[in-house]
Amino acid sequence: MSASEKAKALAEQAIGKVKKEAGRAVGNESATAEGSAQESRGDLRGAKEKTKDAFKK
């Protein structure tokens, strides 16, 4: 996995988690959903890079 893509995936996961938890704390369902979606995008980005690495070997 390229270092920059891995960093992007981790950053997206972290930002999504913060948004999700902040939304839960204030009772904002929209922010909670947006955070969950962003966290999932980060998970998918990381999975994509791991899959690419598996095929390179």
C-alpha atoms as a PDB file:
ATOM      1  CA  MET A   1       0.000   0.000   0.000  1.00  0.00           C
ATOM      2  CA  SER A   2       1.417   3.356  -0.907  1.00  0.00           C
ATOM      3  CA  ALA A   3       2.156   5.511   2.087  1.00  0.00           C
ATOM      4  CA  SER A   4       0.109   8.460   0.850  1.00  0.00           C
ATOM      5  CA  GLU A   5      -2.988   6.339   0.171  1.00  0.00           C
ATOM      6  CA  LYS A   6      -2.650   4.645   3.543  1.00  0.00           C
ATOM      7  CA  ALA A   7      -2.430   8.051   5.224  1.00  0.00           C
ATOM      8  CA  LYS A   8      -5.502   9.264   3.328  1.00  0.00           C
ATOM      9  CA  ALA A   9      -7.462   6.187   4.402  1.00  0.00           C
ATOM     10  CA  LEU A  10      -6.459   6.575   8.042  1.00  0.00           C
ATOM     11  CA  ALA A  11      -7.236  10.301   8.007  1.00  0.00           C
ATOM     12  CA  GLU A  12     -10.662   9.709   6.479  1.00  0.00           C
ATOM     13  CA  GLN A  13     -11.408   7.041   9.087  1.00  0.00           C
ATOM     14  CA  ALA A  14     -10.331   9.316  11.934  1.00  0.00           C
ATOM     15  CA  ILE A  15     -12.285  12.330  10.695  1.00  0.00           C
ATOM     16  CA  GLY A  16     -15.358  10.170  10.183  1.00  0.00           C
ATOM     17  CA  LYS A  17     -15.100   8.742  13.661  1.00  0.00           C
ATOM     18  CA  VAL A  18     -14.800  12.228  15.193  1.00  0.00           C
ATOM     19  CA  LYS A  19     -17.826  13.476  13.220  1.00  0.00           C
ATOM     20  CA  LYS A  20     -19.834  10.410  14.198  1.00  0.00           C
ATOM     21  CA  GLU A  21     -19.047  10.757  17.895  1.00  0.00           C
ATOM     22  CA  ALA A  22     -19.639  14.517  17.864  1.00  0.00           C
ATOM     23  CA  GLY A  23     -23.004  13.941  16.229  1.00  0.00           C
ATOM     24  CA  ARG A  24     -23.918  11.396  18.868  1.00  0.00           C
ATOM     25  CA  ALA A  25     -22.831  13.744  21.652  1.00  0.00           C
ATOM     26  CA  VAL A  26     -25.111  16.543  20.510  1.00  0.00           C
ATOM     27  CA  GLY A  27     -27.902  14.298  19.246  1.00  0.00           C
ATOM     28  CA  ASN A  28     -27.484  15.277  15.590  1.00  0.00           C
ATOM     29  CA  GLU A  29     -28.454  12.209  13.535  1.00  0.00           C
ATOM     30  CA  SER A  30     -27.359  13.822  10.277  1.00  0.00           C
ATOM     31  CA  ALA A  31     -23.816  14.426  11.535  1.00  0.00           C
ATOM     32  CA  THR A  32     -23.715  10.907  12.968  1.00  0.00           C
ATOM     33  CA  ALA A  33     -24.714   9.421   9.614  1.00  0.00           C
ATOM     34  CA  GLU A  34     -22.259  11.607   7.726  1.00  0.00           C
ATOM     35  CA  GLY A  35     -19.457  10.552  10.067  1.00  0.00           C
ATOM     36  CA  SER A  36     -20.330   6.892   9.684  1.00  0.00           C
ATOM     37  CA  ALA A  37     -20.319   7.236   5.913  1.00  0.00           C
ATOM     38  CA  GLN A  38     -16.956   8.979   5.906  1.00  0.00           C
ATOM     39  CA  GLU A  39     -15.486   6.361   8.216  1.00  0.00           C
ATOM     40  CA  SER A  40     -16.762   3.647   5.869  1.00  0.00           C
ATOM     41  CA  ARG A  41     -15.183   5.387   2.866  1.00  0.00           C
ATOM     42  CA  GLY A  42     -11.864   5.320   4.712  1.00  0.00           C
ATOM     43  CA  ASP A  43     -12.315   1.616   5.437  1.00  0.00           C
ATOM     44  CA  LEU A  44     -13.050   0.930   1.770  1.00  0.00           C
ATOM     45  CA  ARG A  45     -10.072   2.989   0.621  1.00  0.00           C
ATOM     46  CA  GLY A  46      -7.807   0.955   2.898  1.00  0.00           C
ATOM     47  CA  ALA A  47      -9.300  -2.325   1.694  1.00  0.00           C
ATOM     48  CA  LYS A  48      -8.813  -1.282  -1.930  1.00  0.00           C
ATOM     49  CA  GLU A  49      -5.147  -0.559  -1.340  1.00  0.00           C
ATOM     50  CA  LYS A  50      -4.628  -3.878   0.465  1.00  0.00           C
ATOM     51  CA  THR A  51      -6.250  -5.691  -2.462  1.00  0.00           C
ATOM     52  CA  LYS A  52      -3.979  -3.906  -4.923  1.00  0.00           C
ATOM     53  CA  ASP A  53      -0.968  -4.913  -2.833  1.00  0.00           C
ATOM     54  CA  ALA A  54      -2.100  -8.553  -2.782  1.00  0.00           C
ATOM     55  CA  PHE A  55      -2.157  -8.682  -6.577  1.00  0.00           C
ATOM     56  CA  LYS A  56       1.279  -7.073  -6.904  1.00  0.00           C
ATOM     57  CA  LYS A  57       2.978  -9.983  -5.138  1.00  0.00           C
END
